[in-house]
Amino acid sequence: MKKILITILLLCAISEFTQAQTVITKFKCYLLSPDMDLSRSDKVTVGDTKIGYIPKNKEIQVLALDTIKYIFYKVQYKNKVGYIHKDVVVDKSLMISIDPNIRSEYKKYVAESSVVIGMNKYELQASIGNPLDVNRTVTADHVSEQWCYGDVVTHYYTIGFTLHSISNTKNNKYIYIEDGIVTAYQD
């Protein structure tokens, strides 16, 4: 009976690792402790939790996306299991495929970095990132938001020995959100 139980546990562990997806890191990153308390991860310093480095452009296996804050992947690298921040993974489609916050009908659009009416705010951020600015209007019935996107262009100039700069945006895009759902957008 004990042998059967051990065999079943080994098969489960093997199947978990064979279902893992392999991805490439964008840049050198920390491999964080596998027993890190993800519910308090913003309170823990990286120095307390790192168990090693993963160099840039290295292949790692993604075992899971944490389901508390959705910002870490549980990964295996060189027989060590730990967590990395999801932004260090090159393959965006992996995040989309295992992220339970992205509804199945929007996974394709998030993978293409598109904006679609009906997306929620989380899906919008996963698709095109955080806005430069948010204008919010609250009424008795609704919360309306205008998310402003664009490329920030900074010009530097000197007056005498003093360096000055002026920034402006180009390629502006505005997305309108009503009660957490994208209702309109301007390109």
N, C-alpha and C. Protein backbone atom coordinates (compact mmCIF):
# COMPACT_ATOMS: atom_id res chain seq x y z
N MET A 1 0.83 -1.20 0.00
CA MET A 1 0.00 0.00 0.00
C MET A 1 0.87 1.26 0.00
N LYS A 2 1.95 1.23 0.81
CA LYS A 2 2.85 2.37 0.90
C LYS A 2 3.53 2.63 -0.45
N LYS A 3 3.92 1.54 -1.16
CA LYS A 3 4.56 1.68 -2.46
C LYS A 3 3.61 2.30 -3.47
N ILE A 4 2.35 1.92 -3.42
CA ILE A 4 1.36 2.47 -4.35
C ILE A 4 1.17 3.96 -4.11
N LEU A 5 1.09 4.34 -2.85
CA LEU A 5 0.91 5.74 -2.50
C LEU A 5 2.12 6.58 -2.96
N ILE A 6 3.32 6.08 -2.74
CA ILE A 6 4.53 6.78 -3.17
C ILE A 6 4.56 6.90 -4.69
N THR A 7 4.18 5.84 -5.40
CA THR A 7 4.14 5.86 -6.86
C THR A 7 3.16 6.90 -7.37
N ILE A 8 2.00 6.98 -6.74
CA ILE A 8 0.98 7.95 -7.15
C ILE A 8 1.50 9.38 -6.92
N LEU A 9 2.14 9.61 -5.78
CA LEU A 9 2.68 10.94 -5.50
C LEU A 9 3.77 11.31 -6.51
N LEU A 10 4.63 10.37 -6.85
CA LEU A 10 5.68 10.64 -7.83
C LEU A 10 5.09 10.94 -9.20
N LEU A 11 4.07 10.18 -9.60
CA LEU A 11 3.42 10.43 -10.88
C LEU A 11 2.76 11.81 -10.92
N CYS A 12 2.15 12.21 -9.82
CA CYS A 12 1.54 13.54 -9.75
C CYS A 12 2.61 14.63 -9.89
N ALA A 13 3.72 14.44 -9.20
CA ALA A 13 4.80 15.42 -9.28
C ALA A 13 5.38 15.48 -10.69
N ILE A 14 5.57 14.33 -11.31
CA ILE A 14 6.11 14.28 -12.67
C ILE A 14 5.13 14.93 -13.64
N SER A 15 3.83 14.64 -13.50
CA SER A 15 2.86 15.24 -14.42
C SER A 15 2.80 16.74 -14.25
N GLU A 16 2.99 17.25 -13.02
CA GLU A 16 3.00 18.69 -12.81
C GLU A 16 4.16 19.32 -13.56
N PHE A 17 5.32 18.69 -13.53
CA PHE A 17 6.48 19.26 -14.20
C PHE A 17 6.40 19.08 -15.71
N THR A 18 5.77 18.02 -16.21
CA THR A 18 5.67 17.85 -17.66
C THR A 18 4.65 18.81 -18.25
N GLN A 19 3.69 19.28 -17.45
CA GLN A 19 2.72 20.24 -17.94
C GLN A 19 3.26 21.67 -17.87
N ALA A 20 4.39 21.85 -17.22
CA ALA A 20 4.97 23.19 -17.09
C ALA A 20 5.38 23.70 -18.46
N GLN A 21 5.29 25.00 -18.64
CA GLN A 21 5.66 25.62 -19.90
C GLN A 21 7.02 26.28 -19.76
N THR A 22 7.83 26.15 -20.81
CA THR A 22 9.17 26.71 -20.80
C THR A 22 9.15 28.09 -21.42
N VAL A 23 9.78 29.05 -20.75
CA VAL A 23 9.86 30.42 -21.25
C VAL A 23 11.28 30.95 -21.06
N ILE A 24 11.55 32.11 -21.64
CA ILE A 24 12.87 32.74 -21.58
C ILE A 24 12.76 34.01 -20.75
N THR A 25 13.78 34.26 -19.91
CA THR A 25 13.79 35.49 -19.10
C THR A 25 14.23 36.67 -19.96
N LYS A 26 13.71 37.86 -19.64
CA LYS A 26 14.09 39.09 -20.35
C LYS A 26 15.43 39.61 -19.86
N PHE A 27 15.63 39.57 -18.55
CA PHE A 27 16.84 40.13 -17.97
C PHE A 27 17.17 39.38 -16.69
N LYS A 28 18.37 39.61 -16.18
CA LYS A 28 18.80 38.97 -14.94
C LYS A 28 17.79 39.28 -13.83
N CYS A 29 17.39 38.27 -13.09
CA CYS A 29 16.36 38.50 -12.08
C CYS A 29 16.63 37.63 -10.85
N TYR A 30 15.93 37.94 -9.79
CA TYR A 30 16.03 37.16 -8.56
C TYR A 30 15.15 35.93 -8.65
N LEU A 31 15.62 34.82 -8.11
CA LEU A 31 14.78 33.66 -7.85
C LEU A 31 14.46 33.74 -6.37
N LEU A 32 13.19 33.89 -6.06
CA LEU A 32 12.76 34.11 -4.68
C LEU A 32 12.36 32.80 -4.03
N SER A 33 12.40 32.75 -2.74
CA SER A 33 12.14 31.55 -1.96
C SER A 33 10.78 30.94 -2.29
N PRO A 34 10.70 29.61 -2.42
CA PRO A 34 9.43 28.96 -2.74
C PRO A 34 8.44 28.98 -1.58
N ASP A 35 8.89 29.30 -0.36
CA ASP A 35 7.97 29.35 0.77
C ASP A 35 7.63 30.79 1.16
N MET A 36 7.84 31.72 0.22
CA MET A 36 7.54 33.12 0.47
C MET A 36 6.03 33.30 0.71
N ASP A 37 5.68 34.14 1.65
CA ASP A 37 4.26 34.43 1.93
C ASP A 37 3.78 35.46 0.92
N LEU A 38 3.11 34.98 -0.14
CA LEU A 38 2.70 35.86 -1.23
C LEU A 38 1.67 36.89 -0.80
N SER A 39 0.91 36.60 0.25
CA SER A 39 -0.08 37.56 0.70
C SER A 39 0.59 38.77 1.35
N ARG A 40 1.87 38.63 1.74
CA ARG A 40 2.60 39.73 2.37
C ARG A 40 3.84 40.09 1.56
N SER A 41 3.84 39.76 0.28
CA SER A 41 5.05 39.93 -0.53
C SER A 41 5.48 41.38 -0.65
N ASP A 42 4.56 42.34 -0.50
CA ASP A 42 4.96 43.74 -0.56
C ASP A 42 5.64 44.19 0.73
N LYS A 43 5.55 43.38 1.76
CA LYS A 43 6.17 43.72 3.05
C LYS A 43 7.54 43.07 3.22
N VAL A 44 7.89 42.16 2.31
CA VAL A 44 9.12 41.39 2.44
C VAL A 44 10.16 41.97 1.49
N THR A 45 11.37 42.18 1.98
CA THR A 45 12.41 42.68 1.09
C THR A 45 13.00 41.53 0.29
N VAL A 46 13.42 41.85 -0.91
CA VAL A 46 13.96 40.81 -1.79
C VAL A 46 15.18 40.16 -1.18
N GLY A 47 16.00 40.93 -0.47
CA GLY A 47 17.20 40.37 0.14
C GLY A 47 16.90 39.24 1.11
N ASP A 48 15.74 39.32 1.76
CA ASP A 48 15.35 38.27 2.70
C ASP A 48 14.86 37.01 2.02
N THR A 49 14.46 37.12 0.77
CA THR A 49 13.78 35.99 0.13
C THR A 49 14.52 35.40 -1.05
N LYS A 50 15.61 36.05 -1.52
CA LYS A 50 16.24 35.52 -2.73
C LYS A 50 17.04 34.25 -2.43
N ILE A 51 16.96 33.31 -3.35
CA ILE A 51 17.73 32.08 -3.22
C ILE A 51 18.69 31.93 -4.40
N GLY A 52 18.77 32.96 -5.23
CA GLY A 52 19.69 32.92 -6.35
C GLY A 52 19.30 33.88 -7.44
N TYR A 53 20.09 33.89 -8.51
CA TYR A 53 19.83 34.72 -9.68
C TYR A 53 19.51 33.82 -10.86
N ILE A 54 18.72 34.36 -11.77
CA ILE A 54 18.53 33.72 -13.07
C ILE A 54 19.05 34.71 -14.09
N PRO A 55 20.07 34.33 -14.86
CA PRO A 55 20.64 35.26 -15.85
C PRO A 55 19.65 35.59 -16.97
N LYS A 56 19.97 36.64 -17.71
CA LYS A 56 19.17 37.06 -18.85
C LYS A 56 19.15 35.95 -19.91
N ASN A 57 18.03 35.83 -20.61
CA ASN A 57 17.85 34.89 -21.72
C ASN A 57 18.03 33.43 -21.33
N LYS A 58 17.68 33.08 -20.11
CA LYS A 58 17.75 31.69 -19.67
C LYS A 58 16.37 31.06 -19.73
N GLU A 59 16.36 29.78 -20.02
CA GLU A 59 15.11 29.04 -20.11
C GLU A 59 14.69 28.58 -18.72
N ILE A 60 13.44 28.83 -18.38
CA ILE A 60 12.89 28.38 -17.09
C ILE A 60 11.56 27.71 -17.34
N GLN A 61 11.16 26.89 -16.40
CA GLN A 61 9.85 26.25 -16.48
C GLN A 61 8.90 26.96 -15.55
N VAL A 62 7.76 27.36 -16.07
CA VAL A 62 6.73 28.00 -15.26
C VAL A 62 5.78 26.93 -14.76
N LEU A 63 5.66 26.82 -13.44
CA LEU A 63 4.81 25.81 -12.84
C LEU A 63 3.41 26.35 -12.55
N ALA A 64 3.32 27.64 -12.16
CA ALA A 64 2.02 28.21 -11.81
C ALA A 64 2.13 29.72 -11.69
N LEU A 65 0.97 30.38 -11.74
CA LEU A 65 0.87 31.80 -11.44
C LEU A 65 0.28 31.89 -10.05
N ASP A 66 0.87 32.73 -9.19
CA ASP A 66 0.30 32.81 -7.85
C ASP A 66 -1.11 33.38 -7.94
N THR A 67 -1.98 32.92 -7.10
CA THR A 67 -3.38 33.31 -7.18
C THR A 67 -3.78 34.28 -6.08
N ILE A 68 -2.79 34.88 -5.43
CA ILE A 68 -3.10 35.86 -4.38
C ILE A 68 -3.00 37.27 -4.96
N LYS A 69 -1.86 37.60 -5.55
CA LYS A 69 -1.68 38.95 -6.11
C LYS A 69 -1.44 38.93 -7.61
N TYR A 70 -1.28 37.76 -8.20
CA TYR A 70 -1.09 37.60 -9.64
C TYR A 70 0.11 38.36 -10.17
N ILE A 71 1.17 38.43 -9.38
CA ILE A 71 2.36 39.13 -9.87
C ILE A 71 3.59 38.23 -9.91
N PHE A 72 3.49 37.02 -9.41
CA PHE A 72 4.64 36.11 -9.41
C PHE A 72 4.31 34.82 -10.15
N TYR A 73 5.33 34.27 -10.79
CA TYR A 73 5.27 32.91 -11.32
C TYR A 73 6.04 31.99 -10.38
N LYS A 74 5.53 30.82 -10.15
CA LYS A 74 6.30 29.78 -9.48
C LYS A 74 7.06 29.06 -10.60
N VAL A 75 8.38 29.01 -10.49
CA VAL A 75 9.20 28.49 -11.57
C VAL A 75 10.21 27.47 -11.06
N GLN A 76 10.75 26.72 -12.02
CA GLN A 76 11.86 25.83 -11.73
C GLN A 76 13.02 26.24 -12.64
N TYR A 77 14.20 26.41 -12.01
CA TYR A 77 15.41 26.75 -12.75
C TYR A 77 16.57 26.00 -12.12
N LYS A 78 17.24 25.19 -12.91
CA LYS A 78 18.37 24.38 -12.42
C LYS A 78 18.02 23.64 -11.13
N ASN A 79 16.94 22.92 -11.15
CA ASN A 79 16.47 22.09 -10.02
C ASN A 79 16.11 22.88 -8.77
N LYS A 80 16.02 24.19 -8.88
CA LYS A 80 15.53 25.01 -7.76
C LYS A 80 14.15 25.51 -8.12
N VAL A 81 13.25 25.47 -7.15
CA VAL A 81 11.90 25.97 -7.34
C VAL A 81 11.76 27.25 -6.52
N GLY A 82 11.20 28.27 -7.14
CA GLY A 82 10.98 29.53 -6.44
C GLY A 82 10.06 30.41 -7.25
N TYR A 83 10.00 31.69 -6.87
CA TYR A 83 9.12 32.64 -7.55
C TYR A 83 9.94 33.71 -8.26
N ILE A 84 9.41 34.19 -9.39
CA ILE A 84 9.95 35.36 -10.06
C ILE A 84 8.78 36.29 -10.39
N HIS A 85 9.09 37.57 -10.53
CA HIS A 85 8.06 38.54 -10.92
C HIS A 85 7.65 38.25 -12.36
N LYS A 86 6.36 38.35 -12.68
CA LYS A 86 5.89 37.96 -14.02
C LYS A 86 6.43 38.88 -15.11
N ASP A 87 6.88 40.08 -14.79
CA ASP A 87 7.39 40.98 -15.81
C ASP A 87 8.74 40.57 -16.37
N VAL A 88 9.42 39.61 -15.76
CA VAL A 88 10.72 39.19 -16.30
C VAL A 88 10.60 38.10 -17.35
N VAL A 89 9.37 37.69 -17.65
CA VAL A 89 9.16 36.63 -18.64
C VAL A 89 8.87 37.27 -20.00
N VAL A 90 9.58 36.80 -21.04
CA VAL A 90 9.42 37.36 -22.38
C VAL A 90 8.07 37.00 -22.98
N ASP A 91 7.64 35.77 -22.79
CA ASP A 91 6.46 35.25 -23.47
C ASP A 91 5.18 35.71 -22.77
N LYS A 92 4.57 36.76 -23.27
CA LYS A 92 3.35 37.31 -22.69
C LYS A 92 2.18 36.32 -22.79
N SER A 93 2.17 35.50 -23.83
CA SER A 93 1.05 34.56 -24.01
C SER A 93 0.98 33.54 -22.89
N LEU A 94 2.11 33.25 -22.25
CA LEU A 94 2.09 32.33 -21.12
C LEU A 94 1.28 32.91 -19.97
N MET A 95 1.55 34.17 -19.64
CA MET A 95 0.82 34.83 -18.56
C MET A 95 -0.67 34.79 -18.87
N ILE A 96 -1.02 35.09 -20.10
CA ILE A 96 -2.42 35.14 -20.49
C ILE A 96 -3.06 33.77 -20.38
N SER A 97 -2.33 32.74 -20.78
CA SER A 97 -2.93 31.40 -20.78
C SER A 97 -3.19 30.86 -19.38
N ILE A 98 -2.38 31.28 -18.38
CA ILE A 98 -2.59 30.73 -17.04
C ILE A 98 -3.16 31.73 -16.06
N ASP A 99 -3.39 32.98 -16.49
CA ASP A 99 -3.91 34.00 -15.58
C ASP A 99 -5.42 33.85 -15.45
N PRO A 100 -5.91 33.50 -14.27
CA PRO A 100 -7.36 33.28 -14.10
C PRO A 100 -8.18 34.57 -14.12
N ASN A 101 -7.51 35.74 -14.08
CA ASN A 101 -8.23 37.01 -14.12
C ASN A 101 -8.59 37.45 -15.53
N ILE A 102 -8.00 36.81 -16.54
CA ILE A 102 -8.30 37.18 -17.93
C ILE A 102 -9.32 36.19 -18.46
N ARG A 103 -10.50 36.71 -18.76
CA ARG A 103 -11.59 35.86 -19.24
C ARG A 103 -11.24 35.28 -20.61
N SER A 104 -11.71 34.06 -20.87
CA SER A 104 -11.30 33.33 -22.07
C SER A 104 -11.61 34.09 -23.36
N GLU A 105 -12.73 34.84 -23.41
CA GLU A 105 -13.08 35.55 -24.64
C GLU A 105 -12.16 36.75 -24.92
N TYR A 106 -11.33 37.14 -23.94
CA TYR A 106 -10.43 38.28 -24.12
C TYR A 106 -8.96 37.88 -24.19
N LYS A 107 -8.65 36.60 -23.99
CA LYS A 107 -7.25 36.16 -24.00
C LYS A 107 -6.56 36.50 -25.33
N LYS A 108 -7.26 36.30 -26.45
CA LYS A 108 -6.69 36.58 -27.77
C LYS A 108 -6.33 38.06 -27.89
N TYR A 109 -7.21 38.94 -27.45
CA TYR A 109 -6.98 40.38 -27.57
C TYR A 109 -5.85 40.85 -26.66
N VAL A 110 -5.78 40.29 -25.47
CA VAL A 110 -4.70 40.64 -24.55
C VAL A 110 -3.35 40.19 -25.15
N ALA A 111 -3.32 39.01 -25.75
CA ALA A 111 -2.09 38.51 -26.37
C ALA A 111 -1.64 39.41 -27.52
N GLU A 112 -2.61 40.04 -28.22
CA GLU A 112 -2.29 40.92 -29.35
C GLU A 112 -2.08 42.37 -28.92
N SER A 113 -2.16 42.64 -27.61
CA SER A 113 -2.07 44.00 -27.07
C SER A 113 -3.10 44.92 -27.70
N SER A 114 -4.33 44.41 -27.81
CA SER A 114 -5.44 45.16 -28.39
C SER A 114 -6.37 45.65 -27.29
N VAL A 115 -7.17 46.66 -27.63
CA VAL A 115 -8.21 47.16 -26.74
C VAL A 115 -9.55 46.78 -27.36
N VAL A 116 -10.44 46.20 -26.55
CA VAL A 116 -11.74 45.77 -27.04
C VAL A 116 -12.80 46.23 -26.04
N ILE A 117 -13.90 46.73 -26.56
CA ILE A 117 -15.01 47.12 -25.70
C ILE A 117 -15.51 45.87 -24.98
N GLY A 118 -15.70 46.00 -23.67
CA GLY A 118 -16.15 44.88 -22.84
C GLY A 118 -15.07 44.34 -21.92
N MET A 119 -13.79 44.69 -22.21
CA MET A 119 -12.70 44.28 -21.32
C MET A 119 -12.89 44.92 -19.95
N ASN A 120 -12.41 44.24 -18.91
CA ASN A 120 -12.38 44.90 -17.60
C ASN A 120 -11.01 45.58 -17.43
N LYS A 121 -10.84 46.31 -16.34
CA LYS A 121 -9.61 47.09 -16.14
C LYS A 121 -8.37 46.20 -16.06
N TYR A 122 -8.51 45.05 -15.41
CA TYR A 122 -7.37 44.15 -15.29
C TYR A 122 -6.91 43.67 -16.68
N GLU A 123 -7.87 43.28 -17.52
CA GLU A 123 -7.54 42.80 -18.87
C GLU A 123 -6.92 43.92 -19.70
N LEU A 124 -7.41 45.15 -19.53
CA LEU A 124 -6.85 46.28 -20.24
C LEU A 124 -5.39 46.50 -19.84
N GLN A 125 -5.11 46.47 -18.53
CA GLN A 125 -3.73 46.64 -18.07
C GLN A 125 -2.83 45.50 -18.55
N ALA A 126 -3.35 44.28 -18.54
CA ALA A 126 -2.55 43.14 -19.03
C ALA A 126 -2.27 43.30 -20.52
N SER A 127 -3.19 43.93 -21.25
CA SER A 127 -3.04 44.09 -22.69
C SER A 127 -2.08 45.20 -23.07
N ILE A 128 -2.28 46.41 -22.52
CA ILE A 128 -1.46 47.55 -22.98
C ILE A 128 -0.72 48.28 -21.86
N GLY A 129 -0.80 47.77 -20.65
CA GLY A 129 -0.03 48.36 -19.56
C GLY A 129 -0.79 49.43 -18.80
N ASN A 130 -0.08 50.09 -17.90
CA ASN A 130 -0.68 51.12 -17.07
C ASN A 130 -0.77 52.44 -17.83
N PRO A 131 -1.81 53.22 -17.58
CA PRO A 131 -1.94 54.51 -18.26
C PRO A 131 -0.98 55.54 -17.70
N LEU A 132 -0.74 56.59 -18.48
CA LEU A 132 0.07 57.72 -18.00
C LEU A 132 -0.72 58.53 -16.98
N ASP A 133 -2.03 58.60 -17.18
CA ASP A 133 -2.88 59.41 -16.31
C ASP A 133 -4.29 58.82 -16.31
N VAL A 134 -5.02 59.04 -15.22
CA VAL A 134 -6.40 58.60 -15.10
C VAL A 134 -7.24 59.79 -14.63
N ASN A 135 -8.28 60.11 -15.39
CA ASN A 135 -9.24 61.13 -14.99
C ASN A 135 -10.50 60.40 -14.55
N ARG A 136 -10.94 60.68 -13.32
CA ARG A 136 -12.04 59.93 -12.72
C ARG A 136 -13.22 60.85 -12.42
N THR A 137 -14.42 60.38 -12.76
CA THR A 137 -15.66 61.08 -12.44
C THR A 137 -16.56 60.14 -11.66
N VAL A 138 -16.98 60.56 -10.46
CA VAL A 138 -17.84 59.73 -9.63
C VAL A 138 -19.19 60.43 -9.51
N THR A 139 -20.26 59.72 -9.85
CA THR A 139 -21.61 60.23 -9.67
C THR A 139 -22.33 59.31 -8.69
N ALA A 140 -23.58 59.60 -8.42
CA ALA A 140 -24.35 58.77 -7.49
C ALA A 140 -24.52 57.35 -8.02
N ASP A 141 -24.56 57.20 -9.36
CA ASP A 141 -24.84 55.89 -9.96
C ASP A 141 -23.62 55.18 -10.52
N HIS A 142 -22.61 55.94 -10.96
CA HIS A 142 -21.52 55.34 -11.73
C HIS A 142 -20.16 55.92 -11.37
N VAL A 143 -19.15 55.17 -11.77
CA VAL A 143 -17.77 55.65 -11.74
C VAL A 143 -17.27 55.59 -13.18
N SER A 144 -16.93 56.75 -13.73
CA SER A 144 -16.40 56.83 -15.09
C SER A 144 -14.93 57.21 -15.02
N GLU A 145 -14.13 56.58 -15.87
CA GLU A 145 -12.71 56.88 -15.91
C GLU A 145 -12.27 57.08 -17.36
N GLN A 146 -11.34 57.97 -17.54
CA GLN A 146 -10.67 58.15 -18.82
C GLN A 146 -9.22 57.80 -18.58
N TRP A 147 -8.74 56.73 -19.22
CA TRP A 147 -7.35 56.33 -19.09
C TRP A 147 -6.60 56.92 -20.28
N CYS A 148 -5.53 57.64 -19.99
CA CYS A 148 -4.76 58.34 -21.01
C CYS A 148 -3.43 57.62 -21.25
N TYR A 149 -3.20 57.25 -22.50
CA TYR A 149 -1.97 56.59 -22.90
C TYR A 149 -1.25 57.45 -23.92
N GLY A 150 0.02 57.22 -24.10
CA GLY A 150 0.80 57.92 -25.11
C GLY A 150 2.27 57.70 -24.87
N ASP A 151 3.07 58.15 -25.81
CA ASP A 151 4.52 58.06 -25.69
C ASP A 151 5.03 59.37 -25.13
N VAL A 152 5.76 59.32 -24.04
CA VAL A 152 6.32 60.53 -23.45
C VAL A 152 7.63 60.85 -24.15
N VAL A 153 7.72 62.07 -24.65
CA VAL A 153 8.93 62.53 -25.32
C VAL A 153 9.50 63.66 -24.48
N THR A 154 10.76 63.52 -24.08
CA THR A 154 11.41 64.53 -23.25
C THR A 154 12.51 65.20 -24.06
N HIS A 155 12.48 66.52 -24.10
CA HIS A 155 13.50 67.31 -24.78
C HIS A 155 14.34 68.02 -23.72
N TYR A 156 15.65 67.96 -23.87
CA TYR A 156 16.56 68.59 -22.93
C TYR A 156 17.23 69.79 -23.59
N TYR A 157 17.45 70.83 -22.81
CA TYR A 157 18.14 72.01 -23.32
C TYR A 157 18.86 72.67 -22.15
N THR A 158 19.81 73.50 -22.48
CA THR A 158 20.57 74.19 -21.42
C THR A 158 20.38 75.70 -21.54
N ILE A 159 20.36 76.33 -20.40
CA ILE A 159 20.43 77.78 -20.31
C ILE A 159 21.61 78.06 -19.40
N GLY A 160 22.67 78.57 -20.00
CA GLY A 160 23.91 78.73 -19.25
C GLY A 160 24.44 77.35 -18.88
N PHE A 161 24.66 77.12 -17.59
CA PHE A 161 25.16 75.83 -17.13
C PHE A 161 24.05 74.96 -16.53
N THR A 162 22.79 75.37 -16.69
CA THR A 162 21.67 74.64 -16.09
C THR A 162 20.96 73.81 -17.16
N LEU A 163 20.77 72.54 -16.85
CA LEU A 163 20.05 71.63 -17.76
C LEU A 163 18.57 71.70 -17.44
N HIS A 164 17.76 71.90 -18.46
CA HIS A 164 16.30 71.95 -18.32
C HIS A 164 15.69 70.88 -19.21
N SER A 165 14.46 70.52 -18.91
CA SER A 165 13.77 69.56 -19.77
C SER A 165 12.30 69.94 -19.89
N ILE A 166 11.71 69.51 -20.98
CA ILE A 166 10.28 69.67 -21.19
C ILE A 166 9.76 68.36 -21.77
N SER A 167 8.67 67.87 -21.23
CA SER A 167 8.11 66.60 -21.69
C SER A 167 6.72 66.82 -22.27
N ASN A 168 6.42 66.08 -23.31
CA ASN A 168 5.06 66.07 -23.85
C ASN A 168 4.77 64.67 -24.38
N THR A 169 3.53 64.45 -24.76
CA THR A 169 3.16 63.12 -25.24
C THR A 169 2.79 63.18 -26.71
N LYS A 170 2.98 62.07 -27.38
CA LYS A 170 2.52 61.91 -28.75
C LYS A 170 1.88 60.54 -28.86
N ASN A 171 1.21 60.28 -29.94
CA ASN A 171 0.47 59.02 -30.14
C ASN A 171 -0.52 58.80 -29.00
N ASN A 172 -1.24 59.85 -28.65
CA ASN A 172 -2.19 59.76 -27.53
C ASN A 172 -3.33 58.81 -27.85
N LYS A 173 -3.75 58.09 -26.81
CA LYS A 173 -4.88 57.17 -26.90
C LYS A 173 -5.67 57.34 -25.62
N TYR A 174 -6.99 57.42 -25.75
CA TYR A 174 -7.86 57.60 -24.59
C TYR A 174 -8.84 56.44 -24.53
N ILE A 175 -8.95 55.84 -23.36
CA ILE A 175 -9.86 54.71 -23.17
C ILE A 175 -10.84 55.08 -22.07
N TYR A 176 -12.12 54.84 -22.33
CA TYR A 176 -13.19 55.23 -21.42
C TYR A 176 -13.76 53.99 -20.75
N ILE A 177 -13.85 54.06 -19.43
CA ILE A 177 -14.26 52.92 -18.62
C ILE A 177 -15.45 53.34 -17.76
N GLU A 178 -16.51 52.56 -17.81
CA GLU A 178 -17.70 52.79 -16.98
C GLU A 178 -17.84 51.61 -16.03
N ASP A 179 -17.82 51.89 -14.74
CA ASP A 179 -17.99 50.85 -13.72
C ASP A 179 -17.07 49.65 -13.95
N GLY A 180 -15.82 49.93 -14.33
CA GLY A 180 -14.81 48.88 -14.46
C GLY A 180 -14.75 48.18 -15.81
N ILE A 181 -15.59 48.60 -16.77
CA ILE A 181 -15.64 47.94 -18.09
C ILE A 181 -15.35 48.97 -19.17
N VAL A 182 -14.50 48.59 -20.15
CA VAL A 182 -14.18 49.46 -21.28
C VAL A 182 -15.44 49.66 -22.12
N THR A 183 -15.83 50.93 -22.32
CA THR A 183 -17.03 51.22 -23.11
C THR A 183 -16.72 51.94 -24.42
N ALA A 184 -15.57 52.60 -24.49
CA ALA A 184 -15.20 53.33 -25.72
C ALA A 184 -13.71 53.62 -25.68
N TYR A 185 -13.15 53.93 -26.86
CA TYR A 185 -11.74 54.34 -26.91
C TYR A 185 -11.52 55.23 -28.12
N GLN A 186 -10.48 56.06 -28.04
CA GLN A 186 -10.04 56.93 -29.13
C GLN A 186 -8.58 56.61 -29.43
N ASP A 187 -8.27 56.51 -30.70
CA ASP A 187 -6.88 56.32 -31.10
C ASP A 187 -6.27 57.62 -31.51
